[in-house]
Amino acid sequence: KSELEDRFGKINEDIIIYMYEEWFEKLAKKLEIVSVKQTRNFVEITFSEDITCKIDGEKLFTDAFSVSNMFRFRMVSNCLVLILDTIRLEKHYIYYLVDVLKTIEFK
């Protein structure tokens, strides 16, 4: 981002969101996210069963709630599902997702 701003000046919000979407895709691949479901009200991310077993759930729970209290969790077929309610977020949901995914550590 800083390199782009050095070359081209201030970057608009759409470009920053695009950069975060690309970052999200890289994190999703690394973290073996098997599905992403988006509706008008939420975004739901499902991790593979293998990664679910390796994720430090307590730390993820704490980290997610430090980013936003709009995160929820559930288990489906031994897979962790991370849900972000998007209705009353102050900024684009992709910022919240990346902020949480980049904190994930394995046991």
N, C-alpha and C. Protein backbone atom coordinates (compact mmCIF):
# COMPACT_ATOMS: atom_id res chain seq x y z
N LYS A 1 0.83 -1.19 0.00
CA LYS A 1 0.00 0.00 0.00
C LYS A 1 0.87 1.25 0.00
N SER A 2 1.86 1.29 0.86
CA SER A 2 2.70 2.48 0.94
C SER A 2 3.49 2.69 -0.36
N GLU A 3 3.91 1.59 -0.97
CA GLU A 3 4.63 1.72 -2.25
C GLU A 3 3.72 2.29 -3.33
N LEU A 4 2.48 1.84 -3.37
CA LEU A 4 1.54 2.38 -4.35
C LEU A 4 1.26 3.86 -4.11
N GLU A 5 1.12 4.22 -2.84
CA GLU A 5 0.87 5.62 -2.51
C GLU A 5 2.08 6.49 -2.87
N ASP A 6 3.29 5.95 -2.69
CA ASP A 6 4.49 6.69 -3.09
C ASP A 6 4.48 6.97 -4.59
N ARG A 7 4.05 6.00 -5.36
CA ARG A 7 4.06 6.14 -6.83
C ARG A 7 2.88 6.93 -7.38
N PHE A 8 1.67 6.67 -6.82
CA PHE A 8 0.47 7.20 -7.45
C PHE A 8 -0.35 8.14 -6.58
N GLY A 9 0.08 8.39 -5.36
CA GLY A 9 -0.69 9.24 -4.47
C GLY A 9 -1.69 8.43 -3.66
N LYS A 10 -2.61 9.14 -3.04
CA LYS A 10 -3.60 8.50 -2.15
C LYS A 10 -4.41 7.45 -2.90
N ILE A 11 -4.58 6.30 -2.26
CA ILE A 11 -5.32 5.18 -2.84
C ILE A 11 -6.76 5.24 -2.33
N ASN A 12 -7.72 5.03 -3.24
CA ASN A 12 -9.11 5.10 -2.80
C ASN A 12 -9.53 3.80 -2.10
N GLU A 13 -10.65 3.86 -1.43
CA GLU A 13 -11.14 2.74 -0.61
C GLU A 13 -11.37 1.47 -1.42
N ASP A 14 -11.84 1.61 -2.66
CA ASP A 14 -12.09 0.42 -3.49
C ASP A 14 -10.81 -0.36 -3.75
N ILE A 15 -9.71 0.31 -3.96
CA ILE A 15 -8.43 -0.36 -4.20
C ILE A 15 -7.96 -1.05 -2.92
N ILE A 16 -8.13 -0.40 -1.79
CA ILE A 16 -7.73 -1.00 -0.51
C ILE A 16 -8.56 -2.25 -0.25
N ILE A 17 -9.87 -2.19 -0.51
CA ILE A 17 -10.72 -3.36 -0.32
C ILE A 17 -10.27 -4.48 -1.25
N TYR A 18 -9.94 -4.15 -2.48
CA TYR A 18 -9.44 -5.15 -3.43
C TYR A 18 -8.17 -5.81 -2.89
N MET A 19 -7.26 -5.02 -2.33
CA MET A 19 -6.03 -5.56 -1.77
C MET A 19 -6.34 -6.50 -0.61
N TYR A 20 -7.29 -6.15 0.23
CA TYR A 20 -7.69 -7.01 1.34
C TYR A 20 -8.35 -8.30 0.83
N GLU A 21 -9.12 -8.20 -0.24
CA GLU A 21 -9.73 -9.40 -0.82
C GLU A 21 -8.66 -10.36 -1.32
N GLU A 22 -7.62 -9.83 -1.94
CA GLU A 22 -6.51 -10.68 -2.39
C GLU A 22 -5.80 -11.30 -1.20
N TRP A 23 -5.59 -10.52 -0.15
CA TRP A 23 -4.97 -11.03 1.08
C TRP A 23 -5.84 -12.13 1.68
N PHE A 24 -7.16 -11.91 1.70
CA PHE A 24 -8.08 -12.91 2.22
C PHE A 24 -7.94 -14.22 1.43
N GLU A 25 -7.87 -14.13 0.12
CA GLU A 25 -7.74 -15.34 -0.70
C GLU A 25 -6.46 -16.11 -0.37
N LYS A 26 -5.37 -15.42 -0.14
CA LYS A 26 -4.12 -16.09 0.24
C LYS A 26 -4.25 -16.76 1.60
N LEU A 27 -4.85 -16.07 2.55
CA LEU A 27 -5.07 -16.65 3.87
C LEU A 27 -6.02 -17.85 3.80
N ALA A 28 -7.05 -17.75 2.98
CA ALA A 28 -8.02 -18.84 2.84
C ALA A 28 -7.35 -20.09 2.31
N LYS A 29 -6.45 -19.92 1.38
CA LYS A 29 -5.74 -21.08 0.83
C LYS A 29 -4.83 -21.69 1.90
N LYS A 30 -4.08 -20.84 2.59
CA LYS A 30 -3.16 -21.30 3.63
C LYS A 30 -3.89 -22.00 4.76
N LEU A 31 -5.07 -21.50 5.12
CA LEU A 31 -5.83 -22.03 6.26
C LEU A 31 -6.85 -23.08 5.86
N GLU A 32 -6.77 -23.54 4.62
CA GLU A 32 -7.65 -24.61 4.13
C GLU A 32 -9.13 -24.31 4.39
N ILE A 33 -9.53 -23.13 4.00
CA ILE A 33 -10.95 -22.78 4.10
C ILE A 33 -11.66 -23.50 2.95
N VAL A 34 -12.66 -24.29 3.31
CA VAL A 34 -13.33 -25.11 2.29
C VAL A 34 -14.54 -24.43 1.68
N SER A 35 -15.10 -23.45 2.38
CA SER A 35 -16.21 -22.71 1.79
C SER A 35 -16.37 -21.35 2.43
N VAL A 36 -16.86 -20.43 1.61
CA VAL A 36 -17.20 -19.09 2.07
C VAL A 36 -18.61 -18.81 1.55
N LYS A 37 -19.50 -18.52 2.46
CA LYS A 37 -20.88 -18.23 2.09
C LYS A 37 -21.19 -16.81 2.53
N GLN A 38 -21.72 -16.03 1.60
CA GLN A 38 -22.05 -14.64 1.91
C GLN A 38 -23.52 -14.39 1.63
N THR A 39 -24.20 -13.78 2.59
CA THR A 39 -25.58 -13.34 2.41
C THR A 39 -25.64 -11.85 2.71
N ARG A 40 -26.81 -11.30 2.69
CA ARG A 40 -26.96 -9.87 3.02
C ARG A 40 -26.60 -9.59 4.48
N ASN A 41 -26.73 -10.62 5.34
CA ASN A 41 -26.59 -10.41 6.79
C ASN A 41 -25.32 -10.96 7.41
N PHE A 42 -24.64 -11.87 6.72
CA PHE A 42 -23.46 -12.47 7.32
C PHE A 42 -22.54 -13.05 6.27
N VAL A 43 -21.30 -13.33 6.72
CA VAL A 43 -20.33 -14.10 5.93
C VAL A 43 -19.95 -15.29 6.80
N GLU A 44 -19.98 -16.46 6.20
CA GLU A 44 -19.70 -17.70 6.92
C GLU A 44 -18.52 -18.40 6.26
N ILE A 45 -17.51 -18.71 7.08
CA ILE A 45 -16.29 -19.36 6.60
C ILE A 45 -16.18 -20.72 7.28
N THR A 46 -15.97 -21.75 6.47
CA THR A 46 -15.83 -23.11 7.01
C THR A 46 -14.41 -23.60 6.77
N PHE A 47 -13.76 -24.02 7.85
CA PHE A 47 -12.40 -24.55 7.78
C PHE A 47 -12.47 -26.06 7.57
N SER A 48 -11.42 -26.62 6.97
CA SER A 48 -11.36 -28.07 6.79
C SER A 48 -11.31 -28.74 8.16
N GLU A 49 -11.66 -30.01 8.18
CA GLU A 49 -11.63 -30.78 9.42
C GLU A 49 -10.20 -30.87 9.95
N ASP A 50 -9.24 -31.04 9.05
CA ASP A 50 -7.83 -31.14 9.44
C ASP A 50 -7.36 -29.86 10.13
N ILE A 51 -7.65 -28.72 9.55
CA ILE A 51 -7.23 -27.44 10.13
C ILE A 51 -8.01 -27.17 11.42
N THR A 52 -9.28 -27.54 11.46
CA THR A 52 -10.09 -27.36 12.67
C THR A 52 -9.41 -28.02 13.86
N CYS A 53 -8.86 -29.20 13.65
CA CYS A 53 -8.19 -29.92 14.74
C CYS A 53 -6.91 -29.22 15.20
N LYS A 54 -6.31 -28.45 14.32
CA LYS A 54 -5.04 -27.81 14.63
C LYS A 54 -5.17 -26.39 15.17
N ILE A 55 -6.32 -25.75 14.96
CA ILE A 55 -6.51 -24.36 15.38
C ILE A 55 -6.63 -24.28 16.90
N ASP A 56 -5.97 -23.31 17.47
CA ASP A 56 -6.12 -23.01 18.89
C ASP A 56 -7.44 -22.24 19.05
N GLY A 57 -8.51 -22.97 19.33
CA GLY A 57 -9.85 -22.40 19.37
C GLY A 57 -10.03 -21.31 20.40
N GLU A 58 -9.44 -21.50 21.57
CA GLU A 58 -9.57 -20.49 22.62
C GLU A 58 -8.95 -19.16 22.20
N LYS A 59 -7.77 -19.24 21.59
CA LYS A 59 -7.10 -18.02 21.13
C LYS A 59 -7.89 -17.37 19.99
N LEU A 60 -8.39 -18.19 19.07
CA LEU A 60 -9.18 -17.64 17.96
C LEU A 60 -10.42 -16.94 18.47
N PHE A 61 -11.10 -17.56 19.42
CA PHE A 61 -12.29 -16.97 20.02
C PHE A 61 -11.97 -15.60 20.64
N THR A 62 -10.90 -15.55 21.42
CA THR A 62 -10.49 -14.31 22.06
C THR A 62 -10.09 -13.26 21.03
N ASP A 63 -9.29 -13.67 20.04
CA ASP A 63 -8.85 -12.74 19.00
C ASP A 63 -10.02 -12.19 18.19
N ALA A 64 -10.97 -13.07 17.85
CA ALA A 64 -12.12 -12.64 17.06
C ALA A 64 -12.93 -11.59 17.81
N PHE A 65 -13.16 -11.82 19.08
CA PHE A 65 -13.95 -10.86 19.84
C PHE A 65 -13.20 -9.58 20.15
N SER A 66 -11.87 -9.61 20.07
CA SER A 66 -11.12 -8.35 20.21
C SER A 66 -11.22 -7.53 18.92
N VAL A 67 -11.46 -8.19 17.79
CA VAL A 67 -11.65 -7.49 16.52
C VAL A 67 -13.07 -6.96 16.42
N SER A 68 -14.06 -7.80 16.74
CA SER A 68 -15.47 -7.39 16.69
C SER A 68 -16.31 -8.38 17.48
N ASN A 69 -17.33 -7.85 18.13
CA ASN A 69 -18.25 -8.74 18.85
C ASN A 69 -19.32 -9.30 17.92
N MET A 70 -19.16 -9.08 16.63
CA MET A 70 -20.11 -9.58 15.63
C MET A 70 -19.73 -10.97 15.10
N PHE A 71 -18.68 -11.58 15.66
CA PHE A 71 -18.29 -12.92 15.25
C PHE A 71 -19.04 -13.97 16.07
N ARG A 72 -19.38 -15.07 15.40
CA ARG A 72 -19.98 -16.24 16.06
C ARG A 72 -19.24 -17.47 15.56
N PHE A 73 -19.37 -18.57 16.30
CA PHE A 73 -18.72 -19.82 15.94
C PHE A 73 -19.72 -20.96 16.06
N ARG A 74 -19.48 -21.99 15.24
CA ARG A 74 -20.23 -23.24 15.39
C ARG A 74 -19.42 -24.36 14.76
N MET A 75 -19.80 -25.58 15.07
CA MET A 75 -19.16 -26.75 14.49
C MET A 75 -20.18 -27.47 13.62
N VAL A 76 -19.74 -27.86 12.42
CA VAL A 76 -20.58 -28.62 11.50
C VAL A 76 -19.73 -29.75 10.95
N SER A 77 -20.13 -30.98 11.22
CA SER A 77 -19.40 -32.16 10.72
C SER A 77 -17.91 -32.08 11.04
N ASN A 78 -17.58 -31.75 12.28
CA ASN A 78 -16.20 -31.64 12.76
C ASN A 78 -15.40 -30.53 12.10
N CYS A 79 -16.09 -29.59 11.48
CA CYS A 79 -15.42 -28.43 10.86
C CYS A 79 -15.84 -27.16 11.60
N LEU A 80 -14.86 -26.32 11.87
CA LEU A 80 -15.13 -25.04 12.51
C LEU A 80 -15.73 -24.08 11.49
N VAL A 81 -16.80 -23.41 11.90
CA VAL A 81 -17.45 -22.40 11.05
C VAL A 81 -17.37 -21.07 11.79
N LEU A 82 -16.78 -20.10 11.13
CA LEU A 82 -16.64 -18.74 11.66
C LEU A 82 -17.66 -17.87 10.94
N ILE A 83 -18.51 -17.19 11.69
CA ILE A 83 -19.58 -16.38 11.11
C ILE A 83 -19.39 -14.94 11.56
N LEU A 84 -19.44 -14.04 10.60
CA LEU A 84 -19.38 -12.61 10.89
C LEU A 84 -20.70 -11.98 10.47
N ASP A 85 -21.45 -11.45 11.44
CA ASP A 85 -22.67 -10.73 11.12
C ASP A 85 -22.27 -9.36 10.57
N THR A 86 -22.78 -9.04 9.40
CA THR A 86 -22.30 -7.85 8.67
C THR A 86 -23.25 -6.66 8.71
N ILE A 87 -24.37 -6.79 9.36
CA ILE A 87 -25.41 -5.76 9.29
C ILE A 87 -24.95 -4.41 9.86
N ARG A 88 -24.33 -4.41 11.01
CA ARG A 88 -23.99 -3.14 11.66
C ARG A 88 -22.49 -2.91 11.79
N LEU A 89 -21.73 -3.35 10.83
CA LEU A 89 -20.28 -3.13 10.88
C LEU A 89 -19.96 -1.69 10.48
N GLU A 90 -18.91 -1.15 11.09
CA GLU A 90 -18.51 0.22 10.81
C GLU A 90 -17.73 0.36 9.51
N LYS A 91 -17.10 -0.75 9.07
CA LYS A 91 -16.33 -0.72 7.82
C LYS A 91 -16.59 -2.01 7.06
N HIS A 92 -16.03 -2.12 5.89
CA HIS A 92 -16.24 -3.28 5.04
C HIS A 92 -15.86 -4.56 5.79
N TYR A 93 -16.67 -5.61 5.62
CA TYR A 93 -16.46 -6.86 6.35
C TYR A 93 -15.10 -7.51 6.09
N ILE A 94 -14.51 -7.27 4.93
CA ILE A 94 -13.23 -7.93 4.59
C ILE A 94 -12.13 -7.55 5.56
N TYR A 95 -12.17 -6.32 6.08
CA TYR A 95 -11.17 -5.88 7.06
C TYR A 95 -11.22 -6.77 8.31
N TYR A 96 -12.42 -7.04 8.79
CA TYR A 96 -12.59 -7.85 10.00
C TYR A 96 -12.13 -9.28 9.77
N LEU A 97 -12.50 -9.83 8.61
CA LEU A 97 -12.11 -11.21 8.32
C LEU A 97 -10.60 -11.38 8.26
N VAL A 98 -9.93 -10.48 7.55
CA VAL A 98 -8.47 -10.57 7.44
C VAL A 98 -7.83 -10.39 8.81
N ASP A 99 -8.34 -9.43 9.58
CA ASP A 99 -7.76 -9.19 10.91
C ASP A 99 -7.84 -10.44 11.79
N VAL A 100 -8.91 -11.20 11.67
CA VAL A 100 -9.03 -12.43 12.47
C VAL A 100 -8.20 -13.55 11.88
N LEU A 101 -8.30 -13.77 10.58
CA LEU A 101 -7.59 -14.89 9.97
C LEU A 101 -6.08 -14.79 10.14
N LYS A 102 -5.55 -13.58 10.12
CA LYS A 102 -4.10 -13.44 10.24
C LYS A 102 -3.61 -13.75 11.66
N THR A 103 -4.52 -13.85 12.61
CA THR A 103 -4.12 -14.18 14.00
C THR A 103 -4.12 -15.67 14.27
N ILE A 104 -4.63 -16.47 13.35
CA ILE A 104 -4.79 -17.90 13.61
C ILE A 104 -3.45 -18.58 13.79
N GLU A 105 -3.35 -19.28 14.90
CA GLU A 105 -2.16 -20.07 15.22
C GLU A 105 -2.59 -21.51 15.43
N PHE A 106 -1.67 -22.40 15.25
CA PHE A 106 -1.97 -23.82 15.41
C PHE A 106 -1.39 -24.33 16.72
N LYS A 107 -2.06 -25.35 17.27
CA LYS A 107 -1.63 -25.97 18.53
C LYS A 107 -0.31 -26.66 18.36
